Amino acid sequence: MTIRVLVADDQAVVRDGVVLLLSSADDIEVVGQAGDGHEAVRLAVEQRPDVALVDLRMPGLDGAQVTAEVLGADLGVRVLILTTYADDDAVIPALRAGAVGYLTKDVTGEALLAAVRDVAADRTVLDPAVQRRLVQLVVSEPEPRPAAHATAASTPAPPPEAEGLTRREIDVVRLVAGGLNNRQVARELVLSQATVKTHLNHILAKLALEDRGALIAWAWRYGLVAPTDH
């Protein structure tokens, strides 16, 4: 199957380089190029690509706004952000808008091709630098963590997207998204590490996610993040 891709970047030299790289792959076809956000949305509606590869900082509409517009039009397009920026002002709006991939421009050509294929297959791709930034944001959050004995009424209700997860699995998701490793999650929830690993496997299967990085991105997108003091 040929993956149809739209490339949106206001820097012509970057856009041309990305198009050249994608066009070298037998299974990828570039169906449009956009130099600003409005053009990106227009081409997405006209061409209905499988993947829109979108820069964050563009004239007209930024990458997060393009993502929201494209997904709001229900075109079946999956958005992969490719940008220079991995700061919270860039990452969080894009993920919350519904981007399923986020890479920085220092990525290798091979990794970019793999990411396009993963996103086309409805898998989430998250740059390691972005994962680290998400964890830093949660760890530095000033609000205290809810006490272990907090009542259900004081615990934020899970989003509709978490339907199918048990309460314990939601607790695991929140802690993982907060930057805790399996050992720390086990200690926090008074479980064995093997049980935590089992929970994670079940969560990834239920949400059709590939790995821990995809789970962190999903949790941030749907607000399922708990601040931690670790």
C-alpha atoms as a PDB file:
ATOM      1  CA  MET A   1       0.000   0.000   0.000  1.00  0.00           C
ATOM      2  CA  THR A   2       1.294   3.443  -0.920  1.00  0.00           C
ATOM      3  CA  ILE A   3       1.290   5.986   1.908  1.00  0.00           C
ATOM      4  CA  ARG A   4       0.078   9.375   0.703  1.00  0.00           C
ATOM      5  CA  VAL A   5       1.819  12.241   2.519  1.00  0.00           C
ATOM      6  CA  LEU A   6       1.314  15.998   2.721  1.00  0.00           C
ATOM      7  CA  VAL A   7       4.369  18.050   3.738  1.00  0.00           C
ATOM      8  CA  ALA A   8       3.810  21.430   5.400  1.00  0.00           C
ATOM      9  CA  ASP A   9       6.801  23.640   6.283  1.00  0.00           C
ATOM     10  CA  ASP A  10       7.340  27.330   5.631  1.00  0.00           C
ATOM     11  CA  GLN A  11      11.084  26.867   5.022  1.00  0.00           C
ATOM     12  CA  ALA A  12      11.435  25.879   1.375  1.00  0.00           C
ATOM     13  CA  VAL A  13      14.841  24.277   1.771  1.00  0.00           C
ATOM     14  CA  VAL A  14      13.597  22.053   4.598  1.00  0.00           C
ATOM     15  CA  ARG A  15      10.378  21.229   2.758  1.00  0.00           C
ATOM     16  CA  ASP A  16      12.256  20.312  -0.405  1.00  0.00           C
ATOM     17  CA  GLY A  17      14.656  18.100   1.520  1.00  0.00           C
ATOM     18  CA  VAL A  18      11.834  16.254   3.284  1.00  0.00           C
ATOM     19  CA  VAL A  19       9.954  15.789  -0.001  1.00  0.00           C
ATOM     20  CA  LEU A  20      13.104  14.439  -1.662  1.00  0.00           C
ATOM     21  CA  LEU A  21      13.640  11.981   1.188  1.00  0.00           C
ATOM     22  CA  LEU A  22      10.043  10.769   1.216  1.00  0.00           C
ATOM     23  CA  SER A  23       9.943  10.448  -2.575  1.00  0.00           C
ATOM     24  CA  SER A  24      12.941   8.103  -2.439  1.00  0.00           C
ATOM     25  CA  ALA A  25      10.813   5.480  -0.682  1.00  0.00           C
ATOM     26  CA  ASP A  26       8.868   3.091  -2.920  1.00  0.00           C
ATOM     27  CA  ASP A  27       5.909   2.951  -0.530  1.00  0.00           C
ATOM     28  CA  ILE A  28       5.475   6.729   0.005  1.00  0.00           C
ATOM     29  CA  GLU A  29       3.943   9.307  -2.342  1.00  0.00           C
ATOM     30  CA  VAL A  30       4.040  13.054  -1.630  1.00  0.00           C
ATOM     31  CA  VAL A  31       0.637  14.390  -2.706  1.00  0.00           C
ATOM     32  CA  GLY A  32       1.058  18.005  -1.656  1.00  0.00           C
ATOM     33  CA  GLN A  33       3.382  20.679  -0.295  1.00  0.00           C
ATOM     34  CA  ALA A  34       2.320  23.641   1.823  1.00  0.00           C
ATOM     35  CA  GLY A  35       4.257  26.724   2.892  1.00  0.00           C
ATOM     36  CA  ASP A  36       1.782  27.994   5.490  1.00  0.00           C
ATOM     37  CA  GLY A  37      -0.923  26.724   7.804  1.00  0.00           C
ATOM     38  CA  HIS A  38      -3.932  27.752   5.733  1.00  0.00           C
ATOM     39  CA  GLU A  39      -2.521  26.063   2.642  1.00  0.00           C
ATOM     40  CA  ALA A  40      -1.812  22.948   4.690  1.00  0.00           C
ATOM     41  CA  VAL A  41      -5.460  22.686   5.777  1.00  0.00           C
ATOM     42  CA  ARG A  42      -6.708  23.358   2.241  1.00  0.00           C
ATOM     43  CA  LEU A  43      -4.494  20.662   0.742  1.00  0.00           C
ATOM     44  CA  ALA A  44      -5.406  18.200   3.481  1.00  0.00           C
ATOM     45  CA  VAL A  45      -9.091  18.670   2.618  1.00  0.00           C
ATOM     46  CA  GLU A  46      -8.447  18.407  -1.125  1.00  0.00           C
ATOM     47  CA  GLN A  47      -5.954  15.527  -1.122  1.00  0.00           C
ATOM     48  CA  ARG A  48      -6.969  13.594   2.006  1.00  0.00           C
ATOM     49  CA  PRO A  49      -3.471  12.193   2.592  1.00  0.00           C
ATOM     50  CA  ASP A  50      -2.828   9.326   4.965  1.00  0.00           C
ATOM     51  CA  VAL A  51      -0.256  11.400   6.854  1.00  0.00           C
ATOM     52  CA  ALA A  52       0.243  15.153   7.173  1.00  0.00           C
ATOM     53  CA  LEU A  53       3.835  15.981   8.104  1.00  0.00           C
ATOM     54  CA  VAL A  54       3.496  19.396   9.735  1.00  0.00           C
ATOM     55  CA  ASP A  55       5.928  21.981  11.076  1.00  0.00           C
ATOM     56  CA  LEU A  56       4.863  23.848  14.217  1.00  0.00           C
ATOM     57  CA  ARG A  57       5.899  27.415  13.440  1.00  0.00           C
ATOM     58  CA  MET A  58       4.234  28.496  10.185  1.00  0.00           C
ATOM     59  CA  PRO A  59       2.490  31.666   8.963  1.00  0.00           C
ATOM     60  CA  GLY A  60      -1.289  31.790   9.139  1.00  0.00           C
ATOM     61  CA  LEU A  61      -1.976  28.780  11.344  1.00  0.00           C
ATOM     62  CA  ASP A  62       0.626  27.087  13.503  1.00  0.00           C
ATOM     63  CA  GLY A  63       1.084  23.322  13.588  1.00  0.00           C
ATOM     64  CA  ALA A  64      -1.245  22.769  16.535  1.00  0.00           C
ATOM     65  CA  GLN A  65      -3.979  24.801  14.836  1.00  0.00           C
ATOM     66  CA  VAL A  66      -3.483  22.916  11.576  1.00  0.00           C
ATOM     67  CA  THR A  67      -3.754  19.662  13.513  1.00  0.00           C
ATOM     68  CA  ALA A  68      -6.991  20.736  15.168  1.00  0.00           C
ATOM     69  CA  GLU A  69      -8.496  21.921  11.858  1.00  0.00           C
ATOM     70  CA  VAL A  70      -7.552  18.763   9.973  1.00  0.00           C
ATOM     71  CA  LEU A  71      -8.770  16.394  12.660  1.00  0.00           C
ATOM     72  CA  GLY A  72     -11.915  18.461  13.163  1.00  0.00           C
ATOM     73  CA  ALA A  73     -12.749  17.952   9.480  1.00  0.00           C
ATOM     74  CA  ASP A  74     -12.749  14.168  10.075  1.00  0.00           C
ATOM     75  CA  LEU A  75     -10.711  13.402   6.965  1.00  0.00           C
ATOM     76  CA  GLY A  76      -8.976  10.320   8.303  1.00  0.00           C
ATOM     77  CA  VAL A  77      -5.642  12.157   8.182  1.00  0.00           C
ATOM     78  CA  ARG A  78      -3.028  11.401  10.842  1.00  0.00           C
ATOM     79  CA  VAL A  79      -0.740  14.276  11.813  1.00  0.00           C
ATOM     80  CA  LEU A  80       2.977  13.865  12.432  1.00  0.00           C
ATOM     81  CA  ILE A  81       4.705  16.982  13.775  1.00  0.00           C
ATOM     82  CA  LEU A  82       8.250  17.599  12.525  1.00  0.00           C
ATOM     83  CA  THR A  83       9.780  20.663  14.130  1.00  0.00           C
ATOM     84  CA  THR A  84      12.821  22.247  15.712  1.00  0.00           C
ATOM     85  CA  TYR A  85      11.045  22.756  19.019  1.00  0.00           C
ATOM     86  CA  ALA A  86      10.588  20.429  21.991  1.00  0.00           C
ATOM     87  CA  ASP A  87       9.539  23.005  24.593  1.00  0.00           C
ATOM     88  CA  ASP A  88       6.260  22.783  26.486  1.00  0.00           C
ATOM     89  CA  ASP A  89       4.665  25.671  24.558  1.00  0.00           C
ATOM     90  CA  ALA A  90       5.154  23.631  21.404  1.00  0.00           C
ATOM     91  CA  VAL A  91       4.683  20.041  22.539  1.00  0.00           C
ATOM     92  CA  ILE A  92       1.561  20.221  24.681  1.00  0.00           C
ATOM     93  CA  PRO A  93      -0.745  22.121  22.260  1.00  0.00           C
ATOM     94  CA  ALA A  94       0.201  19.783  19.408  1.00  0.00           C
ATOM     95  CA  LEU A  95      -0.454  16.619  21.400  1.00  0.00           C
ATOM     96  CA  ARG A  96      -3.698  17.955  22.820  1.00  0.00           C
ATOM     97  CA  ALA A  97      -4.800  18.933  19.310  1.00  0.00           C
ATOM     98  CA  GLY A  98      -4.483  15.265  18.370  1.00  0.00           C
ATOM     99  CA  ALA A  99      -1.087  14.820  16.703  1.00  0.00           C
ATOM    100  CA  VAL A 100      -0.110  11.151  16.846  1.00  0.00           C
ATOM    101  CA  GLY A 101       3.570  11.773  16.237  1.00  0.00           C
ATOM    102  CA  TYR A 102       6.110  14.385  17.291  1.00  0.00           C
ATOM    103  CA  LEU A 103       9.695  14.455  16.018  1.00  0.00           C
ATOM    104  CA  THR A 104      12.417  17.069  16.117  1.00  0.00           C
ATOM    105  CA  LYS A 105      14.324  17.974  12.964  1.00  0.00           C
ATOM    106  CA  ASP A 106      17.551  16.377  14.113  1.00  0.00           C
ATOM    107  CA  VAL A 107      15.940  12.997  13.393  1.00  0.00           C
ATOM    108  CA  THR A 108      17.700  10.796  10.842  1.00  0.00           C
ATOM    109  CA  GLY A 109      16.184  10.198   7.434  1.00  0.00           C
ATOM    110  CA  GLU A 110      15.735   6.522   8.216  1.00  0.00           C
ATOM    111  CA  ALA A 111      13.902   7.341  11.445  1.00  0.00           C
ATOM    112  CA  LEU A 112      11.648   9.847   9.678  1.00  0.00           C
ATOM    113  CA  LEU A 113      10.645   7.289   7.053  1.00  0.00           C
ATOM    114  CA  ALA A 114       9.952   4.753   9.797  1.00  0.00           C
ATOM    115  CA  ALA A 115       7.867   7.335  11.684  1.00  0.00           C
ATOM    116  CA  VAL A 116       5.734   8.089   8.627  1.00  0.00           C
ATOM    117  CA  ARG A 117       5.066   4.373   8.201  1.00  0.00           C
ATOM    118  CA  ASP A 118       4.248   3.979  11.892  1.00  0.00           C
ATOM    119  CA  VAL A 119       1.847   6.920  11.918  1.00  0.00           C
ATOM    120  CA  ALA A 120       0.168   5.652   8.737  1.00  0.00           C
ATOM    121  CA  ALA A 121      -0.350   2.347  10.563  1.00  0.00           C
ATOM    122  CA  ASP A 122      -2.047   4.259  13.407  1.00  0.00           C
ATOM    123  CA  ARG A 123       0.879   3.951  15.786  1.00  0.00           C
ATOM    124  CA  THR A 124       2.148   6.807  17.917  1.00  0.00           C
ATOM    125  CA  VAL A 125       5.686   8.133  17.467  1.00  0.00           C
ATOM    126  CA  LEU A 126       7.236  10.331  20.153  1.00  0.00           C
ATOM    127  CA  ASP A 127      10.758  11.725  20.018  1.00  0.00           C
ATOM    128  CA  PRO A 128      12.834  10.794  23.101  1.00  0.00           C
ATOM    129  CA  ALA A 129      13.493  14.486  23.755  1.00  0.00           C
ATOM    130  CA  VAL A 130       9.751  15.079  23.841  1.00  0.00           C
ATOM    131  CA  GLN A 131       9.243  12.188  26.242  1.00  0.00           C
ATOM    132  CA  ARG A 132      11.860  13.691  28.554  1.00  0.00           C
ATOM    133  CA  ARG A 133      10.222  17.106  28.319  1.00  0.00           C
ATOM    134  CA  LEU A 134       6.806  15.710  29.237  1.00  0.00           C
ATOM    135  CA  VAL A 135       8.282  13.993  32.275  1.00  0.00           C
ATOM    136  CA  GLN A 136      10.088  17.189  33.320  1.00  0.00           C
ATOM    137  CA  LEU A 137       6.863  19.150  33.080  1.00  0.00           C
ATOM    138  CA  VAL A 138       5.062  16.767  35.405  1.00  0.00           C
ATOM    139  CA  VAL A 139       7.927  16.440  37.866  1.00  0.00           C
ATOM    140  CA  SER A 140       8.248  20.233  38.148  1.00  0.00           C
ATOM    141  CA  GLU A 141       4.496  20.742  38.628  1.00  0.00           C
ATOM    142  CA  PRO A 142       4.064  22.703  41.892  1.00  0.00           C
ATOM    143  CA  GLU A 143       0.741  21.195  42.982  1.00  0.00           C
ATOM    144  CA  PRO A 144       1.099  18.327  45.458  1.00  0.00           C
ATOM    145  CA  ARG A 145       0.242  14.777  44.525  1.00  0.00           C
ATOM    146  CA  PRO A 146      -3.114  13.546  45.858  1.00  0.00           C
ATOM    147  CA  ALA A 147      -2.718  11.419  48.969  1.00  0.00           C
ATOM    148  CA  ALA A 148      -2.849   7.661  48.562  1.00  0.00           C
ATOM    149  CA  HIS A 149      -6.034   7.550  50.638  1.00  0.00           C
ATOM    150  CA  ALA A 150      -7.818  10.199  48.532  1.00  0.00           C
ATOM    151  CA  THR A 151     -11.444   9.415  47.864  1.00  0.00           C
ATOM    152  CA  ALA A 152     -12.895   8.699  44.443  1.00  0.00           C
ATOM    153  CA  ALA A 153     -14.616  12.088  44.559  1.00  0.00           C
ATOM    154  CA  SER A 154     -11.265  13.891  44.861  1.00  0.00           C
ATOM    155  CA  THR A 155      -9.664  11.933  41.999  1.00  0.00           C
ATOM    156  CA  PRO A 156     -10.108  13.477  38.538  1.00  0.00           C
ATOM    157  CA  ALA A 157     -12.578  11.528  36.451  1.00  0.00           C
ATOM    158  CA  PRO A 158     -10.963   9.689  33.533  1.00  0.00           C
ATOM    159  CA  PRO A 159     -11.755  10.922  30.022  1.00  0.00           C
ATOM    160  CA  PRO A 160     -14.168   8.960  27.790  1.00  0.00           C
ATOM    161  CA  GLU A 161     -11.158   7.735  25.804  1.00  0.00           C
ATOM    162  CA  ALA A 162     -10.095   5.701  28.859  1.00  0.00           C
ATOM    163  CA  GLU A 163     -13.272   3.633  28.776  1.00  0.00           C
ATOM    164  CA  GLY A 164     -12.349  -0.031  29.096  1.00  0.00           C
ATOM    165  CA  LEU A 165      -9.494   0.613  31.509  1.00  0.00           C
ATOM    166  CA  THR A 166      -9.925  -0.439  35.115  1.00  0.00           C
ATOM    167  CA  ARG A 167      -9.431   2.073  37.929  1.00  0.00           C
ATOM    168  CA  ARG A 168      -6.107   0.422  38.776  1.00  0.00           C
ATOM    169  CA  GLU A 169      -4.968   0.635  35.153  1.00  0.00           C
ATOM    170  CA  ILE A 170      -5.872   4.334  35.085  1.00  0.00           C
ATOM    171  CA  ASP A 171      -3.756   4.820  38.224  1.00  0.00           C
ATOM    172  CA  VAL A 172      -0.856   3.118  36.452  1.00  0.00           C
ATOM    173  CA  VAL A 173      -1.287   5.332  33.375  1.00  0.00           C
ATOM    174  CA  ARG A 174      -1.258   8.505  35.475  1.00  0.00           C
ATOM    175  CA  LEU A 175       1.912   7.513  37.304  1.00  0.00           C
ATOM    176  CA  VAL A 176       3.734   6.394  34.153  1.00  0.00           C
ATOM    177  CA  ALA A 177       2.784   9.655  32.431  1.00  0.00           C
ATOM    178  CA  GLY A 178       4.128  11.430  35.512  1.00  0.00           C
ATOM    179  CA  GLY A 179       7.570   9.988  34.863  1.00  0.00           C
ATOM    180  CA  LEU A 180       7.684   7.041  37.261  1.00  0.00           C
ATOM    181  CA  ASN A 181       9.383   3.802  36.264  1.00  0.00           C
ATOM    182  CA  ASN A 182       7.892   0.366  36.992  1.00  0.00           C
ATOM    183  CA  ARG A 183       9.653   0.057  40.340  1.00  0.00           C
ATOM    184  CA  GLN A 184       8.358   3.451  41.485  1.00  0.00           C
ATOM    185  CA  VAL A 185       4.840   2.693  40.262  1.00  0.00           C
ATOM    186  CA  ALA A 186       4.915  -0.592  42.146  1.00  0.00           C
ATOM    187  CA  ARG A 187       5.988   1.162  45.334  1.00  0.00           C
ATOM    188  CA  GLU A 188       3.368   3.891  44.906  1.00  0.00           C
ATOM    189  CA  LEU A 189       0.505   1.435  44.378  1.00  0.00           C
ATOM    190  CA  VAL A 190       1.846  -1.273  46.716  1.00  0.00           C
ATOM    191  CA  LEU A 191       2.157  -3.813  43.919  1.00  0.00           C
ATOM    192  CA  SER A 192       4.887  -6.081  42.633  1.00  0.00           C
ATOM    193  CA  GLN A 193       6.863  -4.943  39.600  1.00  0.00           C
ATOM    194  CA  ALA A 194       5.595  -8.005  37.743  1.00  0.00           C
ATOM    195  CA  THR A 195       2.011  -6.898  38.371  1.00  0.00           C
ATOM    196  CA  VAL A 196       2.784  -3.395  37.134  1.00  0.00           C
ATOM    197  CA  LYS A 197       4.301  -4.854  33.964  1.00  0.00           C
ATOM    198  CA  THR A 198       1.188  -6.978  33.458  1.00  0.00           C
ATOM    199  CA  HIS A 199      -1.033  -3.923  33.903  1.00  0.00           C
ATOM    200  CA  LEU A 200       1.034  -2.013  31.338  1.00  0.00           C
ATOM    201  CA  ASN A 201       0.775  -4.836  28.817  1.00  0.00           C
ATOM    202  CA  HIS A 202      -3.003  -4.918  29.260  1.00  0.00           C
ATOM    203  CA  ILE A 203      -3.232  -1.109  28.953  1.00  0.00           C
ATOM    204  CA  LEU A 204      -1.190  -1.006  25.740  1.00  0.00           C
ATOM    205  CA  ALA A 205      -3.309  -3.790  24.257  1.00  0.00           C
ATOM    206  CA  LYS A 206      -6.605  -2.126  25.198  1.00  0.00           C
ATOM    207  CA  LEU A 207      -5.524   1.253  23.806  1.00  0.00           C
ATOM    208  CA  ALA A 208      -3.786  -0.265  20.756  1.00  0.00           C
ATOM    209  CA  LEU A 209      -0.555   1.546  21.651  1.00  0.00           C
ATOM    210  CA  GLU A 210       2.922   0.317  20.813  1.00  0.00           C
ATOM    211  CA  ASP A 211       5.045   1.288  23.787  1.00  0.00           C
ATOM    212  CA  ARG A 212       5.552   3.436  26.871  1.00  0.00           C
ATOM    213  CA  GLY A 213       6.294   6.567  24.838  1.00  0.00           C
ATOM    214  CA  ALA A 214       3.013   6.215  22.966  1.00  0.00           C
ATOM    215  CA  LEU A 215       1.203   5.773  26.282  1.00  0.00           C
ATOM    216  CA  ILE A 216       2.763   8.956  27.692  1.00  0.00           C
ATOM    217  CA  ALA A 217       1.663  10.891  24.592  1.00  0.00           C
ATOM    218  CA  TRP A 218      -1.850   9.448  24.873  1.00  0.00           C
ATOM    219  CA  ALA A 219      -2.085  10.361  28.550  1.00  0.00           C
ATOM    220  CA  TRP A 220      -1.025  13.942  27.861  1.00  0.00           C
ATOM    221  CA  ARG A 221      -3.429  14.258  24.945  1.00  0.00           C
ATOM    222  CA  TYR A 222      -6.386  13.292  27.118  1.00  0.00           C
ATOM    223  CA  GLY A 223      -5.299  14.996  30.340  1.00  0.00           C
ATOM    224  CA  LEU A 224      -4.639  11.754  32.201  1.00  0.00           C
ATOM    225  CA  VAL A 225      -1.515  13.001  33.968  1.00  0.00           C
ATOM    226  CA  ALA A 226      -0.860  13.094  37.690  1.00  0.00           C
ATOM    227  CA  PRO A 227       1.881  15.364  39.108  1.00  0.00           C
ATOM    228  CA  THR A 228       4.480  13.507  41.146  1.00  0.00           C
ATOM    229  CA  ASP A 229       7.165  14.515  43.613  1.00  0.00           C
ATOM    230  CA  HIS A 230       9.674  11.932  42.410  1.00  0.00           C
END
